[in-house]
Amino acid sequence: MQEETGSVADAAPSGGEKAGRNTSGGRKGRKIPTVDAVVAKESAAPDAAAPQDERPAAAAVAEEGVDSAAAAPDGEDEMKKYQDDNNLKLFDEDAEAEEQARLDARRADMNLEGETALLETVLFLESEPQSAEVLAKITQLSEDVVSECLERLKEKYLSPDSGIELSQIIGGWMLVPKKECFELVKERYGKKNEGRLSKAAIETLSIIAYSQPITRAEIESIRHVNVDAMMRLLLDRKFITEKGHKDIPGKPTMYGTTDEFLNFFHLQSIKDLPRLDEKESERFELAR
C-alpha cells in the first residue's frame, strides 16, 4: 500500500511546479467553462436534428423565387399572345376606321349623278319594293336627294333602248321589266314568275281581287264550281288572307288579297287593277 501511494505522489505535480509553469510563460492550462456558458452555447447552436422543412424563411423565399422564375416563360408567352391579339384587334379597328373614313370622303364628294348611280345599284340588288325612307337609310342620302334621284331614274328608263322601268309597288320602289318587253319573253319567264298558277287559280284570284272582301260561297256562286282546292293554293301562296267574318247567320269567313299579291303583279294598290267590262262587273255584283 505504501509503494502504490508513493507512486501516485511522485506522478502528481507539485504546487510549486504548477505555479512555476503559470508564471514562466509556458503553455496555459485549459480553462474549464462554467455551466452558464455551456447552456448559452448550446442555445445559440443551430439544431442539426431539425426537419428539413423548418428552413430559415429567407431560404424558402429564395426557393419560391426560383420556382416562379422557372414558370415565368409560360406566363410571358400568354402575356405576349394577349398583347399580339390586342394589337391585331386594334389594327383591324384602325383599318376599318380608315376604310369608313375613305368611303365617307367619297360620299361627301359625290355629285347628283353619282348619288343616282348609287340608288340604282341598291334598287337592282333589292328583291322587294323599298320606300324612299328605307332607301335613304341604305344609301345614307337625304330623302330629298333620294326623291330627286328617283325622278332621274324614271326619266332615264323612259328611253326606248331600256328594257326595265322604275315602278312604285305597295308603297315602295322597284326595278321591273317593261310590259311590252316582258310580253315577248313571257313564254319562257312568265310561268316561272307566275309560279305556274292554273287558269282556275287565276280566275279565283281575280274574283277575290275585284270583289273583296268576299266569302267562299260567294266565290263559288260566281264560278259555279267548288273552290276549296283553289282557296288552299292561294292561301299557301299568301296571295289571299282572311279579312274577318260577314255579319250574317253562320258568320262565314271573308277573304281579300295581300301585299304579296300586289307585289307579284306589280300593283301599287287595288285601284291599279284593270277596269272590268260592264258584263264582268255585273256578274260580280249579282253574286254578292
Protein backbone atom coordinates (compact mmCIF):
# COMPACT_ATOMS: atom_id res chain seq x y z
CA MET A 1 0.00 0.00 0.00
CA GLN A 2 2.71 2.43 0.81
CA GLU A 3 4.51 1.83 -2.52
CA GLU A 4 1.41 2.50 -4.54
CA THR A 5 0.75 5.66 -2.61
CA GLY A 6 4.22 6.85 -3.18
CA SER A 7 3.99 6.32 -6.88
CA VAL A 8 0.92 8.40 -7.10
CA ALA A 9 2.53 11.15 -5.15
CA ASP A 10 5.55 11.11 -7.39
CA ALA A 11 3.40 11.37 -10.52
CA ALA A 12 1.35 14.33 -9.35
CA PRO A 13 2.96 17.70 -9.98
CA SER A 14 3.76 19.72 -7.03
CA GLY A 15 2.14 23.00 -6.34
CA GLY A 16 5.41 24.77 -6.91
CA GLU A 17 5.78 23.31 -10.36
CA LYS A 18 2.25 24.36 -11.30
CA ALA A 19 2.79 27.82 -10.11
CA GLY A 20 6.09 27.96 -11.87
CA ARG A 21 4.60 26.97 -15.25
CA ASN A 22 1.96 29.62 -15.00
CA THR A 23 4.33 32.39 -14.21
CA SER A 24 7.12 31.38 -16.56
CA GLY A 25 5.09 31.98 -19.75
CA GLY A 26 4.70 28.27 -20.51
CA ARG A 27 1.56 26.71 -22.04
CA LYS A 28 -1.54 27.83 -20.24
CA GLY A 29 -3.80 25.30 -18.67
CA ARG A 30 -7.25 24.67 -20.31
CA LYS A 31 -9.92 26.82 -18.73
CA ILE A 32 -12.95 24.85 -17.60
CA PRO A 33 -16.19 26.55 -18.83
CA THR A 34 -18.92 27.36 -16.40
CA VAL A 35 -22.39 25.81 -16.53
CA ASP A 36 -23.97 29.11 -17.73
CA ALA A 37 -21.53 29.33 -20.65
CA VAL A 38 -22.31 25.78 -21.76
CA VAL A 39 -26.07 26.45 -21.68
CA ALA A 40 -25.67 29.67 -23.66
CA LYS A 41 -23.51 27.97 -26.28
CA GLU A 42 -25.95 25.10 -26.71
CA SER A 43 -28.85 27.52 -27.14
CA ALA A 44 -27.01 29.55 -29.79
CA ALA A 45 -26.06 26.49 -31.91
CA PRO A 46 -28.38 25.52 -34.82
CA ASP A 47 -30.48 22.46 -34.27
CA ALA A 48 -28.88 19.89 -36.55
CA ALA A 49 -31.73 17.49 -35.99
CA ALA A 50 -34.42 19.94 -37.13
CA PRO A 51 -36.57 18.68 -40.06
CA GLN A 52 -35.67 19.96 -43.49
CA ASP A 53 -38.99 21.76 -43.84
CA GLU A 54 -38.11 24.03 -40.95
CA ARG A 55 -35.62 26.02 -43.05
CA PRO A 56 -34.96 29.68 -42.50
CA ALA A 57 -37.62 31.88 -44.11
CA ALA A 58 -35.08 33.51 -46.42
CA ALA A 59 -34.13 30.12 -47.90
CA ALA A 60 -37.81 29.23 -48.50
CA VAL A 61 -38.45 32.57 -50.17
CA ALA A 62 -35.36 32.12 -52.35
CA GLU A 63 -36.55 28.69 -53.50
CA GLU A 64 -40.04 30.05 -54.26
CA GLY A 65 -38.34 32.72 -56.36
CA VAL A 66 -36.54 30.02 -58.32
CA ASP A 67 -39.82 28.15 -58.91
CA SER A 68 -41.51 31.34 -60.10
CA ALA A 69 -38.64 32.08 -62.42
CA ALA A 70 -38.91 28.58 -63.86
CA ALA A 71 -42.63 29.10 -64.55
CA ALA A 72 -42.11 32.58 -65.96
CA PRO A 73 -41.73 31.57 -69.62
CA ASP A 74 -45.34 30.25 -69.80
CA GLY A 75 -46.68 33.42 -68.25
CA GLU A 76 -44.61 35.53 -70.61
CA ASP A 77 -45.92 33.56 -73.61
CA GLU A 78 -49.51 34.09 -72.52
CA MET A 79 -48.90 37.79 -71.99
CA LYS A 80 -47.20 38.10 -75.38
CA LYS A 81 -50.08 36.28 -77.07
CA TYR A 82 -52.59 38.56 -75.34
CA GLN A 83 -50.64 41.63 -76.42
CA ASP A 84 -50.39 40.34 -80.01
CA ASP A 85 -54.14 39.65 -80.14
CA ASN A 86 -54.84 43.06 -78.68
CA ASN A 87 -52.56 44.74 -81.17
CA LEU A 88 -54.19 42.81 -84.04
CA LYS A 89 -57.64 43.88 -82.85
CA LEU A 90 -56.53 47.50 -82.64
CA PHE A 91 -55.01 47.19 -86.10
CA ASP A 92 -58.29 45.81 -87.51
CA GLU A 93 -60.26 48.59 -85.86
CA ASP A 94 -57.89 51.18 -87.26
CA ALA A 95 -58.16 49.63 -90.72
CA GLU A 96 -61.97 49.64 -90.54
CA ALA A 97 -61.96 53.24 -89.36
CA GLU A 98 -59.67 54.23 -92.24
CA GLU A 99 -61.89 52.40 -94.75
CA GLN A 100 -65.01 54.06 -93.36
CA ALA A 101 -63.32 57.45 -93.50
CA ARG A 102 -62.38 56.79 -97.12
CA LEU A 103 -65.97 55.84 -98.00
CA ASP A 104 -67.34 58.87 -96.15
CA ALA A 105 -64.97 61.10 -98.11
CA ARG A 106 -66.14 59.55 -101.39
CA ARG A 107 -69.75 60.02 -100.36
CA ALA A 108 -69.12 63.65 -99.43
CA ASP A 109 -67.57 64.32 -102.86
CA MET A 110 -70.40 62.55 -104.71
CA ASN A 111 -72.47 64.66 -107.10
CA LEU A 112 -76.08 64.05 -108.11
CA GLU A 113 -75.08 61.70 -110.92
CA GLY A 114 -73.07 59.56 -108.52
CA GLU A 115 -75.92 59.56 -106.00
CA THR A 116 -78.34 58.46 -108.72
CA ALA A 117 -76.00 55.62 -109.69
CA LEU A 118 -75.74 54.57 -106.03
CA LEU A 119 -79.51 54.48 -105.67
CA GLU A 120 -79.84 52.49 -108.91
CA THR A 121 -77.37 49.94 -107.53
CA VAL A 122 -79.45 49.50 -104.37
CA LEU A 123 -82.68 49.11 -106.37
CA PHE A 124 -81.01 46.49 -108.56
CA LEU A 125 -79.80 44.48 -105.55
CA GLU A 126 -83.07 44.65 -103.61
CA SER A 127 -85.63 41.96 -104.43
CA GLU A 128 -88.52 43.70 -102.64
CA PRO A 129 -90.04 47.18 -103.08
CA GLN A 130 -88.35 49.74 -100.83
CA SER A 131 -89.82 53.03 -99.64
CA ALA A 132 -87.98 56.33 -100.08
CA GLU A 133 -87.34 56.39 -96.32
CA VAL A 134 -85.68 52.95 -96.37
CA LEU A 135 -83.68 53.84 -99.48
CA ALA A 136 -82.41 56.95 -97.71
CA LYS A 137 -81.18 54.85 -94.78
CA ILE A 138 -79.47 52.30 -97.03
CA THR A 139 -77.72 54.89 -99.20
CA GLN A 140 -77.17 57.36 -96.34
CA LEU A 141 -78.66 60.08 -98.54
CA SER A 142 -81.37 62.51 -97.52
CA GLU A 143 -84.93 61.70 -98.54
CA ASP A 144 -84.99 64.83 -100.70
CA VAL A 145 -81.94 63.61 -102.59
CA VAL A 146 -83.47 60.13 -102.92
CA SER A 147 -86.65 61.63 -104.38
CA GLU A 148 -84.63 63.61 -106.89
CA CYS A 149 -82.63 60.52 -107.85
CA LEU A 150 -85.84 58.53 -108.33
CA GLU A 151 -87.14 61.16 -110.75
CA ARG A 152 -83.88 61.00 -112.70
CA LEU A 153 -84.11 57.21 -112.91
CA LYS A 154 -87.72 57.28 -114.08
CA GLU A 155 -86.72 59.69 -116.83
CA LYS A 156 -83.72 57.56 -117.73
CA TYR A 157 -85.82 54.40 -118.15
CA LEU A 158 -88.25 56.17 -120.47
CA SER A 159 -85.68 55.73 -123.20
CA PRO A 160 -86.79 53.17 -125.80
CA ASP A 161 -83.47 51.35 -125.51
CA SER A 162 -84.20 50.47 -121.85
CA GLY A 163 -85.98 47.20 -121.10
CA ILE A 164 -86.65 47.98 -117.44
CA GLU A 165 -88.58 50.70 -115.65
CA LEU A 166 -88.91 52.08 -112.14
CA SER A 167 -92.25 51.09 -110.70
CA GLN A 168 -93.96 52.00 -107.44
CA ILE A 169 -95.44 48.90 -105.81
CA ILE A 170 -97.32 48.81 -102.48
CA GLY A 171 -95.67 51.99 -101.29
CA GLY A 172 -92.13 51.13 -102.41
CA TRP A 173 -89.92 51.41 -105.47
CA MET A 174 -88.64 48.51 -107.54
CA LEU A 175 -86.97 47.88 -110.88
CA VAL A 176 -89.20 45.71 -113.11
CA PRO A 177 -89.19 44.70 -116.79
CA LYS A 178 -91.24 46.86 -119.13
CA LYS A 179 -94.54 45.23 -120.01
CA GLU A 180 -94.03 45.49 -123.75
CA CYS A 181 -90.66 43.74 -123.43
CA PHE A 182 -91.82 41.16 -120.93
CA GLU A 183 -94.64 40.02 -123.23
CA LEU A 184 -92.06 38.90 -125.78
CA VAL A 185 -90.33 36.58 -123.31
CA LYS A 186 -93.32 35.69 -121.13
CA GLU A 187 -93.45 32.17 -122.56
CA ARG A 188 -90.06 31.48 -121.00
CA TYR A 189 -90.11 33.63 -117.87
CA GLY A 190 -93.83 34.15 -117.26
CA LYS A 191 -94.53 30.69 -115.90
CA LYS A 192 -91.58 30.98 -113.56
CA ASN A 193 -92.77 34.32 -112.25
CA GLU A 194 -96.38 33.28 -112.01
CA GLY A 195 -95.45 30.15 -110.11
CA ARG A 196 -97.41 28.05 -112.63
CA LEU A 197 -100.81 29.29 -111.45
CA SER A 198 -103.53 27.43 -113.29
CA LYS A 199 -106.32 29.16 -115.18
CA ALA A 200 -108.74 28.15 -112.40
CA ALA A 201 -106.45 29.66 -109.74
CA ILE A 202 -106.06 32.91 -111.68
CA GLU A 203 -109.84 33.14 -112.18
CA THR A 204 -110.48 32.57 -108.46
CA LEU A 205 -107.83 35.13 -107.54
CA SER A 206 -109.34 37.66 -109.93
CA ILE A 207 -112.79 37.26 -108.36
CA ILE A 208 -111.33 37.84 -104.87
CA ALA A 209 -109.29 40.84 -106.04
CA TYR A 210 -112.24 42.60 -107.67
CA SER A 211 -114.90 41.65 -105.11
CA GLN A 212 -113.06 41.66 -101.76
CA PRO A 213 -113.95 41.09 -99.06
CA ILE A 214 -115.80 38.06 -100.28
CA THR A 215 -116.87 34.71 -98.82
CA ARG A 216 -116.11 31.27 -100.19
CA ALA A 217 -119.81 30.70 -101.00
CA GLU A 218 -119.93 33.94 -102.99
CA ILE A 219 -116.87 32.91 -104.99
CA GLU A 220 -118.49 29.54 -105.78
CA SER A 221 -121.71 31.27 -106.86
CA ILE A 222 -119.69 33.20 -109.46
CA ARG A 223 -117.58 30.28 -110.69
CA HIS A 224 -120.31 27.63 -110.26
CA VAL A 225 -117.74 25.11 -109.02
CA ASN A 226 -116.19 24.08 -105.72
CA VAL A 227 -113.19 26.33 -104.93
CA ASP A 228 -111.71 24.55 -101.89
CA ALA A 229 -108.57 23.44 -103.72
CA MET A 230 -108.01 26.86 -105.32
CA MET A 231 -108.53 28.64 -101.97
CA ARG A 232 -105.96 26.41 -100.27
CA LEU A 233 -103.49 27.07 -103.07
CA LEU A 234 -103.94 30.85 -102.91
CA LEU A 235 -103.69 30.84 -99.11
CA ASP A 236 -100.46 28.81 -99.30
CA ARG A 237 -99.05 31.25 -101.82
CA LYS A 238 -100.05 34.09 -99.48
CA PHE A 239 -101.94 35.84 -102.29
CA ILE A 240 -105.09 35.97 -100.14
CA THR A 241 -105.85 36.11 -96.43
CA GLU A 242 -108.81 36.16 -94.07
CA LYS A 243 -110.47 39.56 -93.71
CA GLY A 244 -112.89 38.93 -90.86
CA HIS A 245 -116.38 37.43 -90.82
CA LYS A 246 -119.52 38.54 -92.60
CA ASP A 247 -122.37 39.63 -90.34
CA ILE A 248 -124.87 37.05 -91.49
CA PRO A 249 -126.06 33.74 -90.00
CA GLY A 250 -123.12 31.37 -89.72
CA LYS A 251 -120.58 34.23 -89.73
CA PRO A 252 -118.72 32.97 -92.83
CA THR A 253 -115.08 33.98 -93.29
CA MET A 254 -114.35 36.73 -95.81
CA TYR A 255 -111.20 36.83 -97.93
CA GLY A 256 -109.13 39.53 -99.60
CA THR A 257 -105.80 39.99 -101.34
CA THR A 258 -102.44 40.68 -99.68
CA ASP A 259 -99.39 42.85 -100.28
CA GLU A 260 -97.76 39.74 -101.71
CA PHE A 261 -100.45 39.76 -104.40
CA LEU A 262 -99.78 43.42 -105.20
CA ASN A 263 -96.04 42.84 -105.28
CA PHE A 264 -96.36 39.80 -107.52
CA PHE A 265 -98.49 41.65 -110.08
CA HIS A 266 -96.55 44.93 -109.76
CA LEU A 267 -99.50 46.94 -108.44
CA GLN A 268 -99.34 49.98 -106.19
CA SER A 269 -102.85 49.29 -104.84
CA ILE A 270 -106.09 47.53 -105.73
CA LYS A 271 -107.14 50.71 -107.52
CA ASP A 272 -104.49 49.93 -110.15
CA LEU A 273 -106.31 46.78 -111.29
CA PRO A 274 -107.52 46.95 -114.89
CA ARG A 275 -111.13 48.02 -115.16
CA LEU A 276 -113.68 45.24 -115.72
CA ASP A 277 -116.00 45.42 -118.64
CA GLU A 278 -119.68 46.01 -117.89
CA LYS A 279 -120.66 42.35 -118.24
CA GLU A 280 -118.00 41.05 -115.84
CA SER A 281 -118.71 43.83 -113.36
CA GLU A 282 -122.41 42.98 -113.37
CA ARG A 283 -121.67 39.26 -112.86
CA PHE A 284 -119.56 40.01 -109.81
CA GLU A 285 -122.20 42.28 -108.33
CA LEU A 286 -125.06 39.78 -108.82
CA ALA A 287 -123.08 37.20 -106.88
CA ARG A 288 -122.92 39.50 -103.87
